[in-house]
Protein backbone atom coordinates (compact mmCIF):
# COMPACT_ATOMS: atom_id res chain seq x y z
CA MET A 1 65.07 -8.99 13.43
CA GLY A 2 63.18 -10.54 10.53
CA LYS A 3 61.57 -13.96 10.43
CA GLU A 4 62.59 -16.89 8.29
CA TYR A 5 60.26 -18.14 5.60
CA SER A 6 59.63 -21.87 5.83
CA ILE A 7 61.21 -24.32 3.39
CA THR A 8 58.45 -26.88 4.00
CA PRO A 9 56.38 -27.26 0.81
CA VAL A 10 52.81 -26.00 1.15
CA THR A 11 50.03 -27.19 -1.14
CA VAL A 12 48.34 -24.13 -2.61
CA PRO A 13 45.52 -23.60 -5.13
CA HIS A 14 46.62 -23.64 -8.76
CA VAL A 15 46.91 -20.26 -10.45
CA GLU A 16 47.19 -19.63 -14.16
CA THR A 17 46.89 -16.18 -15.75
CA LYS A 18 48.83 -14.30 -18.39
CA TYR A 19 51.29 -13.11 -15.75
CA ARG A 20 51.24 -15.80 -13.02
CA LYS A 21 51.35 -19.58 -12.90
CA ILE A 22 51.49 -21.73 -9.77
CA VAL A 23 51.06 -25.47 -10.42
CA THR A 24 53.01 -27.16 -7.60
CA PRO A 25 53.43 -26.91 -3.84
CA ILE A 26 55.51 -23.86 -2.82
CA PRO A 27 58.41 -24.29 -2.56
CA HIS A 28 58.57 -27.27 -4.91
CA PRO A 29 59.72 -30.40 -3.02
CA ASP A 30 62.59 -30.92 -5.47
CA SER A 31 63.99 -27.49 -4.57
CA VAL A 32 64.20 -28.27 -0.84
CA PRO A 33 67.69 -29.91 -1.09
CA THR A 34 69.04 -26.68 -2.56
CA LEU A 35 67.40 -24.65 0.20
CA GLU A 36 68.78 -27.01 2.84
CA LYS A 37 72.26 -26.79 1.33
CA LEU A 38 72.14 -23.00 1.45
CA ARG A 39 70.96 -23.07 5.08
CA LYS A 40 73.90 -25.27 5.95
CA LEU A 41 76.54 -23.27 4.08
CA GLU A 42 75.38 -19.65 4.38
CA PRO A 43 74.85 -17.46 7.45
CA THR A 44 71.41 -17.21 9.03
CA SER A 45 71.11 -13.65 7.71
CA MET A 46 70.60 -15.08 4.21
CA ARG A 47 67.28 -16.74 5.13
CA GLY A 48 65.05 -13.70 5.04
CA MET A 49 63.57 -13.98 1.56
CA PRO A 50 60.61 -16.14 0.48
CA GLN A 51 62.09 -19.56 -0.17
CA ILE A 52 61.68 -20.22 -3.86
CA VAL A 53 64.63 -21.17 -6.04
CA TRP A 54 64.92 -18.98 -9.12
CA ASP A 55 65.82 -20.70 -12.37
CA ARG A 56 65.53 -17.78 -14.77
CA ALA A 57 64.02 -14.32 -14.99
CA GLU A 58 62.63 -12.54 -18.04
CA ASP A 59 61.38 -8.95 -18.04
CA ILE A 60 58.66 -8.85 -15.33
CA GLN A 61 58.54 -12.56 -14.51
CA ILE A 62 60.49 -15.07 -12.42
CA TYR A 63 60.51 -18.82 -13.14
CA ASP A 64 61.53 -21.93 -11.21
CA LYS A 65 62.38 -25.27 -12.82
CA HIS A 66 59.00 -26.78 -12.04
CA GLY A 67 56.52 -24.84 -14.16
CA ASN A 68 55.84 -21.97 -11.73
CA MET A 69 55.94 -18.35 -12.86
CA TRP A 70 55.74 -15.25 -10.67
CA LEU A 71 54.85 -11.69 -11.55
CA ASP A 72 57.81 -9.85 -10.08
CA TRP A 73 57.19 -6.93 -7.74
CA SER A 74 60.75 -6.93 -6.37
CA SER A 75 62.99 -6.06 -9.34
CA GLY A 76 65.55 -8.12 -7.42
CA VAL A 77 65.52 -5.37 -4.76
CA LEU A 78 65.08 -2.44 -7.16
CA VAL A 79 67.83 -3.51 -9.57
CA THR A 80 66.09 -4.59 -12.77
CA ASN A 81 64.49 -1.27 -13.68
CA ALA A 82 64.71 -2.07 -17.39
CA GLY A 83 63.44 -5.61 -16.81
CA HIS A 84 65.07 -8.94 -16.00
CA GLY A 85 67.46 -10.39 -18.54
CA VAL A 86 66.36 -8.09 -21.36
CA LYS A 87 67.94 -8.89 -24.70
CA GLU A 88 69.82 -5.61 -25.05
CA VAL A 89 71.56 -6.04 -21.70
CA ARG A 90 72.26 -9.72 -22.27
CA GLN A 91 73.72 -9.03 -25.69
CA ALA A 92 75.91 -6.23 -24.35
CA ILE A 93 77.28 -8.59 -21.70
CA ILE A 94 77.87 -11.35 -24.25
CA ASP A 95 79.62 -8.98 -26.66
CA GLN A 96 81.86 -7.65 -23.91
CA VAL A 97 82.76 -11.13 -22.71
CA ASN A 98 83.56 -12.16 -26.27
CA SER A 99 85.79 -9.12 -26.69
CA GLY A 100 88.23 -10.69 -24.24
CA LEU A 101 88.27 -7.80 -21.77
CA LEU A 102 86.72 -8.89 -18.48
CA HIS A 103 88.76 -6.86 -15.99
CA ASN A 104 91.20 -3.99 -16.18
CA TYR A 105 91.38 -2.53 -12.61
CA VAL A 106 91.64 1.25 -13.11
CA PHE A 107 93.62 1.10 -16.31
CA PRO A 108 91.70 3.12 -18.91
CA SER A 109 89.05 1.45 -21.05
CA GLU A 110 86.62 2.62 -23.70
CA GLU A 111 83.79 0.93 -21.82
CA ARG A 112 84.38 3.01 -18.70
CA ALA A 113 84.64 6.19 -20.71
CA GLU A 114 81.37 5.47 -22.52
CA LEU A 115 79.44 4.87 -19.30
CA ALA A 116 80.96 7.89 -17.55
CA GLU A 117 79.94 10.11 -20.46
CA LEU A 118 76.40 8.67 -20.47
CA LEU A 119 75.99 9.20 -16.71
CA ILE A 120 77.16 12.80 -16.89
CA SER A 121 74.74 13.39 -19.77
CA VAL A 122 71.78 12.40 -17.59
CA ALA A 123 73.05 14.14 -14.44
CA PRO A 124 72.08 17.73 -13.57
CA GLU A 125 74.23 20.57 -14.82
CA GLY A 126 77.11 21.23 -12.45
CA LEU A 127 77.80 17.59 -11.61
CA GLU A 128 80.74 16.96 -13.90
CA LYS A 129 82.65 13.96 -12.53
CA VAL A 130 81.74 10.31 -11.93
CA PHE A 131 83.51 7.65 -9.88
CA LEU A 132 82.41 4.08 -10.67
CA LEU A 133 82.29 1.53 -7.86
CA THR A 134 80.59 -1.78 -7.10
CA THR A 135 77.99 -1.46 -4.32
CA GLY A 136 75.70 1.15 -2.84
CA SER A 137 77.53 1.01 0.49
CA GLU A 138 80.79 1.71 -1.30
CA ALA A 139 79.22 4.75 -2.95
CA THR A 140 77.80 6.19 0.28
CA GLU A 141 81.06 5.58 2.15
CA CYS A 142 82.85 7.49 -0.62
CA ALA A 143 80.39 10.38 -0.33
CA ILE A 144 80.96 10.61 3.43
CA LYS A 145 84.72 10.65 2.80
CA LEU A 146 84.45 13.39 0.18
CA ALA A 147 82.15 15.53 2.32
CA ARG A 148 84.32 15.27 5.41
CA THR A 149 87.52 15.88 3.43
CA HIS A 150 85.98 19.06 2.05
CA GLY A 151 84.87 20.11 5.51
CA ILE A 152 88.34 19.69 6.98
CA LYS A 153 89.85 21.63 4.09
CA ILE A 154 87.67 24.69 4.65
CA GLY A 155 86.98 24.47 8.38
CA GLY A 156 89.70 22.38 9.95
CA ASN A 157 89.08 19.47 12.29
CA ARG A 158 85.99 21.21 13.64
CA LYS A 159 83.99 20.89 10.40
CA ILE A 160 83.61 17.10 10.30
CA GLY A 161 79.96 16.48 11.22
CA ILE A 162 77.81 14.24 9.03
CA ILE A 163 74.03 14.34 9.41
CA GLY A 164 71.87 11.44 8.27
CA TYR A 165 68.25 10.74 9.17
CA THR A 166 66.22 8.55 11.50
CA ARG A 167 64.97 5.37 9.81
CA GLY A 168 67.44 6.00 6.99
CA PHE A 169 69.52 3.29 5.35
CA HIS A 170 72.75 3.80 3.42
CA GLY A 171 74.34 0.37 3.65
CA ARG A 172 75.86 -2.01 6.20
CA THR A 173 79.49 -0.90 6.29
CA LEU A 174 80.92 1.10 9.19
CA GLY A 175 80.34 4.65 7.99
CA SER A 176 77.20 4.03 5.97
CA GLN A 177 75.49 2.22 8.85
CA GLN A 178 76.25 5.07 11.24
CA ALA A 179 74.86 7.63 8.79
CA GLY A 180 71.73 5.49 8.55
CA GLY A 181 69.14 5.86 11.25
CA MET A 182 68.14 2.35 12.26
CA ALA A 183 69.43 2.14 15.81
CA GLY A 184 69.21 -1.62 16.21
CA GLN A 185 71.54 -2.09 13.25
CA LYS A 186 74.33 -0.10 14.95
CA ASN A 187 74.78 -2.15 18.12
CA TRP A 188 77.81 -3.94 16.72
CA ILE A 189 79.68 -0.67 16.24
CA VAL A 190 79.81 0.25 19.96
CA ASN A 191 82.21 3.18 19.53
CA GLU A 192 80.08 5.27 17.22
CA ASP A 193 81.48 8.45 15.73
CA PRO A 194 79.99 11.23 17.89
CA ARG A 195 79.97 13.59 14.90
CA ILE A 196 77.70 11.39 12.79
CA LEU A 197 74.18 12.39 13.79
CA ASN A 198 70.62 11.56 12.79
CA ALA A 199 67.99 14.25 12.30
CA PRO A 200 64.27 13.33 12.44
CA PHE A 201 63.10 12.35 8.96
CA PRO A 202 60.01 14.45 8.16
CA ASP A 203 57.81 11.72 6.69
CA GLY A 204 54.61 13.01 8.31
CA TYR A 205 53.64 9.63 9.79
CA TRP A 206 56.33 8.33 12.13
CA THR A 207 57.64 11.89 12.51
CA GLU A 208 54.59 14.13 12.49
CA ASP A 209 56.47 17.44 12.65
CA THR A 210 57.68 17.98 9.07
CA SER A 211 59.12 21.46 9.56
CA PHE A 212 62.78 22.27 8.99
CA ASP A 213 62.85 23.41 12.61
CA THR A 214 63.42 19.76 13.60
CA PHE A 215 66.76 19.83 11.77
CA LEU A 216 67.80 23.10 13.39
CA LYS A 217 66.73 21.81 16.81
CA LEU A 218 69.03 18.79 16.45
CA LEU A 219 71.97 21.13 15.93
CA ALA A 220 70.95 23.37 18.81
CA ASP A 221 70.48 20.41 21.17
CA LYS A 222 73.97 19.16 20.31
CA GLY A 223 75.51 22.62 20.63
CA LEU A 224 76.52 22.64 16.97
CA THR A 225 76.29 25.11 14.10
CA GLY A 226 76.89 24.94 10.37
CA ALA A 227 80.58 25.50 11.10
CA ASP A 228 80.66 21.99 12.62
CA ILE A 229 78.93 20.16 9.76
CA ALA A 230 80.68 18.84 6.65
CA GLY A 231 77.83 17.01 4.96
CA VAL A 232 74.17 16.01 5.04
CA MET A 233 73.20 12.67 3.52
CA MET A 234 69.55 11.94 2.77
CA GLU A 235 67.89 9.13 0.90
CA THR A 236 65.92 10.99 -1.74
CA TYR A 237 63.03 8.89 -0.52
CA GLN A 238 63.43 6.61 2.46
CA GLY A 239 63.13 3.04 1.29
CA VAL A 240 61.32 2.03 4.47
CA GLY A 241 58.12 3.67 3.24
CA PRO A 242 58.77 4.77 0.62
CA ASP A 243 58.70 8.17 2.31
CA PHE A 244 59.46 11.52 0.75
CA ALA A 245 60.28 14.67 2.72
CA PRO A 246 58.15 17.77 2.04
CA THR A 247 59.47 19.85 -0.86
CA ASP A 248 59.61 22.94 1.34
CA TYR A 249 61.82 21.08 3.84
CA VAL A 250 64.28 20.00 1.17
CA LYS A 251 64.47 23.47 -0.36
CA LYS A 252 65.28 24.90 3.07
CA LEU A 253 67.88 22.17 3.58
CA ARG A 254 69.51 23.03 0.25
CA ALA A 255 69.59 26.72 1.21
CA TRP A 256 71.05 25.91 4.65
CA CYS A 257 73.79 23.78 3.08
CA ASP A 258 74.64 26.62 0.67
CA GLU A 259 74.79 29.17 3.49
CA ASN A 260 77.08 26.99 5.60
CA ASP A 261 79.26 25.44 2.85
CA VAL A 262 77.93 21.97 3.65
CA VAL A 263 77.95 19.17 1.07
CA LEU A 264 74.43 17.90 0.29
CA VAL A 265 74.38 14.22 -0.69
CA PHE A 266 71.31 12.48 -2.07
CA ASP A 267 71.40 8.72 -1.81
CA GLU A 268 69.68 7.59 -5.03
CA VAL A 269 70.90 4.00 -4.85
CA GLN A 270 67.36 2.64 -5.02
CA ALA A 271 65.59 5.82 -6.13
CA GLY A 272 67.36 6.63 -9.39
CA PHE A 273 67.05 5.52 -13.00
CA GLY A 274 63.38 6.26 -13.46
CA ARG A 275 61.98 4.47 -10.45
CA THR A 276 59.80 7.36 -9.19
CA GLY A 277 58.60 8.69 -12.53
CA LYS A 278 61.54 11.09 -12.69
CA PHE A 279 64.96 9.95 -13.87
CA TRP A 280 66.38 11.13 -10.53
CA ALA A 281 64.01 11.17 -7.58
CA PHE A 282 65.40 14.49 -6.32
CA GLU A 283 63.84 16.13 -9.37
CA HIS A 284 60.56 15.97 -7.42
CA TYR A 285 62.04 18.53 -5.03
CA GLY A 286 63.35 20.97 -7.62
CA VAL A 287 66.85 21.03 -6.10
CA THR A 288 70.24 19.65 -7.12
CA PRO A 289 72.60 17.91 -4.67
CA ASP A 290 76.38 18.31 -4.62
CA ILE A 291 76.84 14.54 -4.80
CA ILE A 292 74.61 11.72 -6.07
CA CYS A 293 75.13 8.16 -4.88
CA CYS A 294 73.54 5.65 -7.23
CA GLY A 295 73.55 1.96 -8.06
CA LYS A 296 71.02 -0.91 -8.22
CA GLY A 297 68.98 0.13 -11.30
CA ILE A 298 72.06 1.46 -13.08
CA SER A 299 72.70 -1.83 -14.93
CA SER A 300 69.47 -3.78 -14.43
CA SER A 301 71.72 -6.74 -13.72
CA LEU A 302 75.38 -6.71 -12.65
CA PRO A 303 77.05 -5.15 -9.55
CA LEU A 304 77.82 -1.50 -10.21
CA SER A 305 77.43 1.81 -8.40
CA ALA A 306 78.53 5.38 -8.96
CA VAL A 307 79.26 8.64 -7.19
CA ILE A 308 78.46 11.66 -9.35
CA GLY A 309 79.48 15.06 -8.07
CA ARG A 310 80.85 18.54 -8.44
CA GLU A 311 84.37 18.68 -9.84
CA ALA A 312 85.82 20.47 -6.81
CA LEU A 313 84.58 17.70 -4.52
CA MET A 314 85.44 14.77 -6.75
CA ASP A 315 89.01 15.96 -7.45
CA GLN A 316 90.12 16.24 -3.82
CA TYR A 317 92.32 13.15 -3.98
CA GLY A 318 95.37 12.82 -6.21
CA PRO A 319 96.28 10.04 -8.66
CA GLY A 320 95.93 6.59 -7.14
CA ALA A 321 94.57 7.87 -3.82
CA MET A 322 90.90 7.02 -4.44
CA THR A 323 90.40 3.86 -6.50
CA SER A 324 88.66 0.51 -6.20
CA THR A 325 89.67 -2.91 -7.51
CA HIS A 326 86.58 -3.33 -9.68
CA THR A 327 86.09 0.34 -10.62
CA GLY A 328 84.11 0.39 -13.85
CA ASN A 329 84.44 -3.31 -14.61
CA PRO A 330 84.03 -3.46 -18.40
CA VAL A 331 81.31 -6.13 -18.39
CA CYS A 332 79.29 -4.19 -15.81
CA CYS A 333 79.82 -0.97 -17.78
CA ALA A 334 78.55 -2.57 -20.97
CA ALA A 335 75.44 -3.79 -19.14
CA ALA A 336 74.83 -0.36 -17.65
CA VAL A 337 75.11 1.47 -20.97
CA ALA A 338 72.61 -0.92 -22.55
CA ALA A 339 70.22 -0.70 -19.59
CA ILE A 340 70.25 3.10 -19.38
CA GLN A 341 69.83 3.47 -23.13
CA LYS A 342 66.84 1.09 -23.00
CA LEU A 343 65.26 3.04 -20.14
CA LEU A 344 65.60 6.25 -22.14
CA ARG A 345 64.65 4.84 -25.53
CA GLU A 346 61.52 3.05 -24.32
CA LYS A 347 60.43 5.90 -22.01
CA MET A 348 60.24 3.68 -18.94
CA THR A 349 60.48 6.68 -16.62
CA GLU A 350 57.33 8.01 -18.24
CA ASN A 351 55.67 4.62 -17.78
CA ALA A 352 56.48 4.75 -14.08
CA ALA A 353 55.01 8.25 -13.85
CA ALA A 354 51.80 7.16 -15.58
CA LEU A 355 51.32 4.07 -13.40
CA GLY A 356 52.16 5.71 -10.07
CA PRO A 357 48.59 6.98 -9.50
CA VAL A 358 47.21 3.50 -10.32
CA LEU A 359 49.43 1.92 -7.69
CA LEU A 360 48.66 4.58 -5.09
CA GLU A 361 44.91 4.27 -5.65
CA GLY A 362 45.11 0.50 -5.24
CA LEU A 363 47.01 0.81 -1.96
CA LYS A 364 44.60 3.41 -0.62
CA LYS A 365 41.68 1.06 -1.31
CA ILE A 366 43.38 -1.69 0.68
CA GLN A 367 44.04 0.76 3.51
CA ALA A 368 40.44 1.96 3.48
CA LYS A 369 39.26 -1.62 3.92
CA HIS A 370 41.72 -2.30 6.77
CA PRO A 371 42.31 1.11 8.39
CA THR A 372 43.21 -0.25 11.83
CA VAL A 373 46.13 -2.41 10.62
CA ILE A 374 47.37 -0.62 7.49
CA GLY A 375 48.88 2.44 9.11
CA ASN A 376 50.25 4.23 6.09
CA VAL A 377 50.48 3.72 2.34
CA SER A 378 52.50 5.59 -0.24
CA ALA A 379 53.53 5.33 -3.88
CA THR A 380 55.43 7.54 -6.30
CA GLY A 381 56.04 6.16 -9.73
CA LEU A 382 56.67 2.44 -9.49
CA VAL A 383 57.75 2.29 -5.88
CA GLY A 384 55.12 1.84 -3.22
CA GLY A 385 54.64 0.56 0.27
CA MET A 386 52.06 -0.55 2.76
CA GLN A 387 53.04 -0.21 6.43
CA THR A 388 51.38 -2.63 8.84
CA VAL A 389 50.60 -1.85 12.48
CA LYS A 390 48.95 -3.49 15.47
CA PRO A 391 45.18 -2.83 15.42
CA GLY A 392 44.35 0.77 16.24
CA THR A 393 47.94 1.76 17.10
CA LYS A 394 51.16 2.89 15.49
CA ASP A 395 53.02 -0.14 16.78
CA PRO A 396 54.64 -1.82 13.75
CA ASP A 397 53.44 -5.33 12.93
CA HIS A 398 56.17 -7.32 11.23
CA ASP A 399 54.24 -10.58 11.46
CA LEU A 400 51.32 -9.23 9.42
CA ALA A 401 53.62 -7.88 6.70
CA HIS A 402 55.48 -11.20 6.64
CA ARG A 403 52.25 -13.16 6.21
CA ILE A 404 50.88 -10.90 3.47
CA ILE A 405 54.05 -11.41 1.46
CA GLU A 406 53.98 -15.18 2.03
CA LEU A 407 50.42 -15.41 0.72
CA CYS A 408 51.29 -13.27 -2.31
CA VAL A 409 54.22 -15.53 -3.20
CA GLN A 410 52.04 -18.63 -2.89
CA ARG A 411 49.68 -16.99 -5.42
CA GLY A 412 52.30 -16.02 -7.95
CA LEU A 413 53.13 -12.43 -6.93
CA LEU A 414 56.76 -12.11 -5.87
CA LEU A 415 57.80 -9.54 -3.28
CA PHE A 416 60.89 -9.44 -1.10
CA ALA A 417 60.76 -9.72 2.69
CA PRO A 418 59.29 -6.84 4.73
CA VAL A 419 61.47 -3.76 5.02
CA GLY A 420 61.46 -0.77 7.35
CA ALA A 421 62.92 0.18 10.69
CA TRP A 422 60.77 -2.55 12.28
CA GLY A 423 60.16 -4.77 9.25
CA GLN A 424 56.65 -3.38 8.90
CA THR A 425 56.54 -2.48 5.21
CA VAL A 426 55.28 -4.52 2.28
CA LYS A 427 57.41 -2.94 -0.45
CA ILE A 428 56.35 -2.81 -4.11
CA SER A 429 58.89 -2.22 -6.87
CA PRO A 430 58.19 -3.95 -10.20
CA PRO A 431 60.38 -3.46 -13.26
CA LEU A 432 59.57 -0.18 -15.00
CA SER A 433 58.52 -2.12 -18.09
CA ILE A 434 55.39 -3.47 -16.37
CA PRO A 435 52.15 -2.81 -18.28
CA ARG A 436 49.09 -1.43 -16.52
CA GLU A 437 47.22 -4.72 -16.88
CA ALA A 438 49.91 -6.60 -14.97
CA LEU A 439 50.15 -3.92 -12.29
CA GLU A 440 46.40 -4.06 -11.71
CA GLU A 441 46.48 -7.85 -11.49
CA GLY A 442 49.19 -7.60 -8.85
CA ILE A 443 47.14 -5.08 -6.86
CA THR A 444 44.22 -7.53 -6.88
CA VAL A 445 46.45 -10.32 -5.55
CA LEU A 446 47.88 -8.03 -2.86
CA ALA A 447 44.38 -6.98 -1.79
CA GLN A 448 43.20 -10.59 -1.49
CA ALA A 449 46.32 -11.63 0.40
CA THR A 450 45.82 -8.74 2.82
CA ASP A 451 42.18 -9.72 3.36
CA ASP A 452 43.19 -13.29 4.15
CA ALA A 453 46.14 -12.37 6.37
CA VAL A 454 43.98 -9.98 8.39
CA ALA A 455 41.25 -12.62 8.70
CA GLU A 456 43.79 -15.13 10.04
CA MET A 457 45.03 -12.58 12.54
CA VAL A 458 41.62 -12.02 14.11
CA LYS A 459 40.69 -15.71 14.44
């Protein structure tokens, strides 16, 4: 379980650069009543983020009402790929609101048709249908449903197995949480589906054996074969790292799914829309899934997700049998079209690809300075992570990650709370519009915060 960040104002040194400005205690004393109100009215689970009250956000920066400005390394949890509040997205939202159409359930609209066509145009050949939803969990639940429905159709009630991965995360709803591989998050379920399994994720650090044999061994140990499995769902990279599987592993997985008529689902909810230096992160593997689940960066703003898949899978349910109240909300669709067009027009995917090595080099330098407590670092495109451990071990250290992030926020670099199976990862995910100069400044702040947090730890 994560720790709360304090709402007691802390006096910190003033900071003023092109990208950061801290001129008051953090959080500002005048924001404390808002924080106290939220603590009174919202569940405890909402207290995990650094306690600053956002007033507005523009491109790569976050502002409060009191003269403070943060360089954003969160993208609002990997949503604002095209930047916060960019004019094209704001104007698209305004124009749609002014049109008078704010909601239309699943009645047809031009806005939904335009976004569906755009998504299919950027999807791999063979993925011909798109189902628009609201959240990532809704998308992954839908993918599980489609995979299992297909399995039952071709293999009867035997072919219902769903395989996810250890340390994986697909959402917090019933099916998505079971497919995910964070055991502590499943305790509330109690009666877990025995045919939803987790294979070892071959990240090479927490799971050192990266061979495809680990997948086959899971099946053998459970007495199962491909005839029992309907679908495999994998985060294209696991957000807890970020961790990619070896390309050879994924190619063998794709071949195994083909041989056994198993639906391969890539969860791209946080990985898609240019984040990794490829438009879709699975392009790094050179394979194509049967279903893509995506969301977050799709609109750079409003709640929207999508399931993109093969026609035979997507058309399994008849008229009215697979809908959602806010399917393709027209305002969200307008935002998404503007955001995706901006990503493509301004070559933000290419920017992420160019800056990925800069980020990785910066993280490796921090690790080299603190090798006993920075257990693993990784970065691909503009998503990176630094995993903290107890000195000289592989035991995750949530407290160190928590403190590093707190110090960064006090110095004008905004990150969200630690992620990972044990809350051990300092996650880095700036908007894809970030220039190299700003990225390098953020790396400097992160390095200094790590130095100071480690020094505090050894006192």
